[in-house]
Amino acid sequence: MAGRRRRILVTGRPGVGKKTVIKRVVEVLGDRAGGFYTEETRHQGRRTGFVVRTLNGKTGGLAHVTHGGVFRVGRYGVDVEGFEKVGVVSLERAMTAKEIIIIDEIGPMELYSKRFRQVVERVFASDGTVIAVIQQREDSFTRTLREWPHVEVCTVTRENRDRMTSLVVEKLDATGSQIPKG
């Protein structure tokens, strides 16, 4: 099983298409994957915050301009409790029930959750395959993840973003997993 272990970290500048890559990979993987991705919320054309969506359809808060929590990223108050109830729980469930774990994203908002950091470390130590979006700017936690055994970092650029989904799926194929073509 350890020969199948793979950690693919997708990174790149904000707005380059990392989330699009992850969503397309999830479409290819179907129900073999578990975990979450984040999405913007908008009101009258303006971004007002972010939600976390699990691959099985649950939604929870991540950050919002009106959230008055202690933790802030820019103008957004981070809803650590809401994120843990949905996003972190989805990772814990995926570790036991899914072959491939999706984490979008390991970024400044998510990293305010100590429980999230602990679960991410357990995910990386597991025998499963992990595909995660990771912030481009390093801190001590993300640097440690980048240095973990079996990690490959894929940097999305405007030039390669249309090919990146295929590249990630090819890397999964190299693990011996029978990834459906589609």
Foldseek 3Di string as FASTA:
>chain_A
DLLLAAEEEEEEDPPLQSVVLLVVLCVQQDPQEWAWAKDFDDDPRHTFAMWIAIPVGDIWGAWGLPDPAPDDDVSIDGDQVRCCVPGVVRLVVCLPPHQEYEEHEADDSNVVHPSSLVSVVVSNVGSGYYYYYYYPDDDPSVVVVCPRPNYDYHYRHNVCNVVSSVVVVVVSVVSVDPGDDD
